[in-house]
Amino acid sequence: MTSERLVIAMDGPSGSGKSSVAKAVAQHFGLAYLDTGAMYRALTWYCLQQQVDLTDADAVLAAAQNFPLSQGTTADVEMIEVDGVDVVEAIREPRISENVSAIASNRGVRDLLINMQRDAIKNSGYRMVAEGRDITTVVAPDADARILLTASEEVRLARRGLQLGGTQNNEQLAQQVSARDAKDSKVNNFTEAAEGVTLVDSSDLNFEETIDAVIKAVEEARQK
């Protein structure tokens, strides 16, 4: 196994498939994997458990400063614990999706989590796929490959519905995908590729084709 540096930064809106694709790409290249969105979701879960007022920015920041998170970085095994509690399933619940923007829009919280994400990349030996919403521009702008994975809103809503096993109605899906993207885009622009970032539109691609497109984009970036 090579120890050559390879950091892949991947951003994208809700339902773009970036988590599944990023895991597959990490496995292809033998890299660690970091789901930064899960960090925000886990902190949301923690704040709700601690009955923190999510409209109180200072209270949310104080909770973040004492956030007992343990997150794995292996692509094929998801491990996310908060104070020893397995929250892998809990952080995907609708109540988390409905409240996570309150956490993600807190500047102080973002600074804390960004530092944690940069530490994770460093601790991987700079061999990681990190995915989220501000990885290509803020967390790892010096990544070896930077990719914005997107798809049409219609496709993203359908994919998120399948991901949630049909448990959400159209209104709930729109709240989790479109409405959340609108809120979060006020903090970061993850709908347009910044300079040097490769856009991969998967609207007309299946899962395997999307993985292939991202791998191709990574290989091309490495040759530059």
Protein backbone atom coordinates (compact mmCIF):
# COMPACT_ATOMS: atom_id res chain seq x y z
CA MET A 1 0.00 0.00 0.00
CA THR A 2 1.45 3.33 -1.04
CA SER A 3 1.82 6.13 1.47
CA GLU A 4 1.74 8.81 -1.22
CA ARG A 5 -0.30 11.85 -0.24
CA LEU A 6 -3.77 11.91 -1.76
CA VAL A 7 -6.43 14.20 -0.32
CA ILE A 8 -9.73 14.30 -2.19
CA ALA A 9 -12.18 17.04 -1.27
CA MET A 10 -15.77 16.55 -2.36
CA ASP A 11 -18.69 18.91 -1.90
CA GLY A 12 -22.31 18.79 -2.99
CA PRO A 13 -25.90 19.58 -2.09
CA SER A 14 -28.29 17.28 -0.22
CA GLY A 15 -29.19 14.13 -2.12
CA SER A 16 -26.32 14.44 -4.59
CA GLY A 17 -25.03 11.03 -3.51
CA LYS A 18 -21.71 12.39 -2.30
CA SER A 19 -21.51 10.18 0.80
CA SER A 20 -21.99 6.88 -1.06
CA VAL A 21 -19.76 7.97 -3.92
CA ALA A 22 -17.06 9.29 -1.59
CA LYS A 23 -16.98 5.97 0.29
CA ALA A 24 -16.59 4.04 -2.96
CA VAL A 25 -13.84 6.38 -4.15
CA ALA A 26 -12.04 6.02 -0.81
CA GLN A 27 -12.15 2.24 -1.15
CA HIS A 28 -10.88 2.43 -4.74
CA PHE A 29 -7.81 4.45 -3.76
CA GLY A 30 -7.30 2.83 -0.33
CA LEU A 31 -7.99 6.04 1.56
CA ALA A 32 -9.59 7.02 4.84
CA TYR A 33 -13.03 8.61 4.65
CA LEU A 34 -14.60 11.52 6.52
CA ASP A 35 -18.29 12.42 6.45
CA THR A 36 -18.20 16.00 7.73
CA GLY A 37 -21.97 16.35 7.47
CA ALA A 38 -22.30 13.58 10.05
CA MET A 39 -20.29 15.74 12.46
CA TYR A 40 -22.86 18.54 12.20
CA ARG A 41 -25.69 16.05 12.54
CA ALA A 42 -24.11 14.42 15.58
CA LEU A 43 -23.66 17.81 17.23
CA THR A 44 -27.31 18.59 16.47
CA TRP A 45 -28.31 15.33 18.17
CA TYR A 46 -26.11 16.18 21.16
CA CYS A 47 -27.60 19.67 21.51
CA LEU A 48 -31.14 18.29 21.37
CA GLN A 49 -30.27 15.65 23.96
CA GLN A 50 -28.79 18.34 26.21
CA GLN A 51 -31.87 20.51 25.62
CA VAL A 52 -29.76 23.34 24.27
CA ASP A 53 -31.71 26.22 22.77
CA LEU A 54 -30.69 26.06 19.11
CA THR A 55 -31.60 29.72 18.63
CA ASP A 56 -29.02 30.70 21.26
CA ALA A 57 -25.74 30.87 19.31
CA ASP A 58 -23.61 31.17 22.46
CA ALA A 59 -25.25 28.14 24.08
CA VAL A 60 -24.75 26.07 20.92
CA LEU A 61 -21.10 27.11 20.75
CA ALA A 62 -20.60 26.17 24.41
CA ALA A 63 -22.05 22.73 23.71
CA ALA A 64 -19.77 22.33 20.71
CA GLN A 65 -16.73 23.13 22.84
CA ASN A 66 -17.57 20.11 25.02
CA PHE A 67 -18.74 17.84 22.21
CA PRO A 68 -17.73 14.22 23.07
CA LEU A 69 -17.59 12.91 19.50
CA SER A 70 -15.88 9.73 18.36
CA GLN A 71 -16.01 9.16 14.59
CA GLY A 72 -14.44 6.43 12.54
CA THR A 73 -12.71 7.08 9.22
CA THR A 74 -13.03 3.65 7.60
CA ALA A 75 -15.09 3.75 4.41
CA ASP A 76 -16.74 0.34 4.83
CA VAL A 77 -17.65 0.62 8.53
CA GLU A 78 -19.60 3.63 9.80
CA MET A 79 -18.84 4.47 13.43
CA ILE A 80 -20.21 7.61 15.05
CA GLU A 81 -20.57 7.85 18.83
CA VAL A 82 -21.43 10.74 21.10
CA ASP A 83 -20.33 10.22 24.69
CA GLY A 84 -20.23 6.48 24.01
CA VAL A 85 -23.71 6.33 22.44
CA ASP A 86 -24.02 4.92 18.90
CA VAL A 87 -25.84 7.61 16.88
CA VAL A 88 -25.36 6.28 13.35
CA GLU A 89 -29.09 5.76 12.88
CA ALA A 90 -30.32 8.56 15.14
CA ILE A 91 -28.56 11.36 13.23
CA ARG A 92 -30.48 10.48 10.05
CA GLU A 93 -33.88 11.05 11.66
CA PRO A 94 -36.10 13.87 10.31
CA ARG A 95 -35.79 15.90 13.52
CA ILE A 96 -32.04 16.12 12.97
CA SER A 97 -32.42 17.11 9.32
CA GLU A 98 -34.91 19.78 10.33
CA ASN A 99 -32.55 21.33 12.90
CA VAL A 100 -29.03 20.82 11.57
CA SER A 101 -28.96 24.15 9.71
CA ALA A 102 -29.14 25.97 13.05
CA ILE A 103 -25.87 24.27 13.95
CA ALA A 104 -24.21 24.56 10.54
CA SER A 105 -24.89 28.29 10.30
CA ASN A 106 -23.16 29.05 13.63
CA ARG A 107 -19.79 30.59 12.69
CA GLY A 108 -18.08 29.67 15.94
CA VAL A 109 -19.25 26.07 15.67
CA ARG A 110 -18.08 25.88 12.07
CA ASP A 111 -14.61 27.06 13.09
CA LEU A 112 -14.40 24.34 15.76
CA LEU A 113 -15.55 21.56 13.44
CA ILE A 114 -13.37 22.76 10.56
CA ASN A 115 -10.32 22.44 12.84
CA MET A 116 -11.45 18.92 13.78
CA GLN A 117 -11.82 18.05 10.11
CA ARG A 118 -8.37 19.39 9.24
CA ASP A 119 -6.92 17.38 12.13
CA ALA A 120 -8.61 14.24 10.78
CA ILE A 121 -7.06 14.80 7.36
CA LYS A 122 -3.64 15.34 8.94
CA ASN A 123 -4.01 12.26 11.15
CA SER A 124 -4.80 10.15 8.09
CA GLY A 125 -1.34 10.92 6.78
CA TYR A 126 -3.00 13.15 4.19
CA ARG A 127 -4.66 10.13 2.61
CA MET A 128 -8.38 10.79 2.86
CA VAL A 129 -11.58 11.52 1.02
CA ALA A 130 -13.40 14.26 2.93
CA GLU A 131 -16.90 15.19 1.83
CA GLY A 132 -19.33 17.90 2.83
CA ARG A 133 -20.28 21.41 1.77
CA ASP A 134 -17.16 23.53 2.25
CA ILE A 135 -14.35 21.02 1.87
CA THR A 136 -13.11 22.21 -1.54
CA THR A 137 -13.06 25.88 -0.56
CA VAL A 138 -12.52 26.11 3.21
CA VAL A 139 -11.44 22.88 4.88
CA ALA A 140 -9.02 21.58 2.25
CA PRO A 141 -8.56 24.12 -0.56
CA ASP A 142 -5.11 22.59 -1.14
CA ALA A 143 -6.49 19.08 -1.70
CA ASP A 144 -4.95 17.06 -4.51
CA ALA A 145 -8.35 16.75 -6.17
CA ARG A 146 -11.38 18.94 -5.57
CA ILE A 147 -14.78 17.89 -6.85
CA LEU A 148 -18.30 19.30 -6.72
CA LEU A 149 -20.82 16.49 -7.15
CA THR A 150 -24.29 17.65 -8.06
CA ALA A 151 -27.55 16.57 -9.69
CA SER A 152 -30.87 18.13 -10.59
CA GLU A 153 -33.26 18.89 -7.72
CA GLU A 154 -35.75 16.32 -9.01
CA VAL A 155 -33.12 13.60 -9.02
CA ARG A 156 -31.80 14.59 -5.59
CA LEU A 157 -35.27 14.48 -4.04
CA ALA A 158 -35.88 11.03 -5.50
CA ARG A 159 -32.53 9.73 -4.26
CA ARG A 160 -33.06 11.05 -0.75
CA GLY A 161 -36.50 9.45 -0.69
CA LEU A 162 -35.01 6.08 -1.60
CA GLN A 163 -32.22 6.55 0.94
CA LEU A 164 -34.82 7.07 3.67
CA GLY A 165 -36.77 4.01 2.61
CA GLY A 166 -39.89 5.89 1.57
CA THR A 167 -40.54 7.03 5.13
CA GLN A 168 -40.82 10.71 4.17
CA ASN A 169 -43.55 12.45 2.20
CA ASN A 170 -42.83 15.01 -0.53
CA GLU A 171 -43.12 17.95 1.84
CA GLN A 172 -40.67 16.40 4.30
CA LEU A 173 -38.23 15.59 1.52
CA ALA A 174 -38.41 19.15 0.20
CA GLN A 175 -37.73 20.44 3.71
CA GLN A 176 -34.73 18.17 4.13
CA VAL A 177 -33.24 18.80 0.70
CA SER A 178 -34.31 22.04 -0.95
CA ALA A 179 -35.06 24.12 2.14
CA ARG A 180 -31.91 23.02 3.93
CA ASP A 181 -29.76 23.77 0.90
CA ALA A 182 -31.29 27.25 0.70
CA LYS A 183 -30.41 27.92 4.35
CA ASP A 184 -26.91 26.48 4.18
CA SER A 185 -26.04 28.24 0.93
CA LYS A 186 -26.12 31.50 2.88
CA VAL A 187 -22.98 30.25 4.65
CA ASN A 188 -21.23 28.38 1.82
CA ASN A 189 -21.63 28.22 -1.93
CA PHE A 190 -21.79 24.51 -2.66
CA THR A 191 -23.92 24.79 -5.78
CA GLU A 192 -21.27 26.23 -8.10
CA ALA A 193 -17.75 24.93 -8.63
CA ALA A 194 -15.06 27.33 -7.43
CA GLU A 195 -11.96 27.89 -9.54
CA GLY A 196 -9.95 24.68 -9.78
CA VAL A 197 -12.88 22.50 -8.69
CA THR A 198 -14.17 19.86 -11.11
CA LEU A 199 -17.93 19.68 -11.55
CA VAL A 200 -19.45 16.21 -11.85
CA ASP A 201 -23.19 16.25 -12.66
CA SER A 202 -24.70 12.85 -11.93
CA SER A 203 -28.27 13.67 -13.00
CA ASP A 204 -28.06 11.24 -15.93
CA LEU A 205 -25.54 8.83 -14.39
CA ASN A 206 -26.14 5.72 -12.35
CA PHE A 207 -24.14 4.98 -9.21
CA GLU A 208 -21.29 3.11 -10.92
CA GLU A 209 -21.04 5.70 -13.68
CA THR A 210 -20.84 8.47 -11.09
CA ILE A 211 -18.03 6.68 -9.25
CA ASP A 212 -16.16 6.24 -12.53
CA ALA A 213 -16.60 9.94 -13.36
CA VAL A 214 -15.22 11.00 -9.99
CA ILE A 215 -12.27 8.59 -10.21
CA LYS A 216 -11.50 9.99 -13.66
CA ALA A 217 -11.63 13.54 -12.29
CA VAL A 218 -9.24 12.56 -9.48
CA GLU A 219 -6.77 10.95 -11.89
CA GLU A 220 -6.85 14.00 -14.14
CA ALA A 221 -6.25 16.31 -11.18
CA ARG A 222 -3.25 14.23 -10.07
CA GLN A 223 -1.67 14.59 -13.51
CA LYS A 224 -1.78 18.37 -13.48
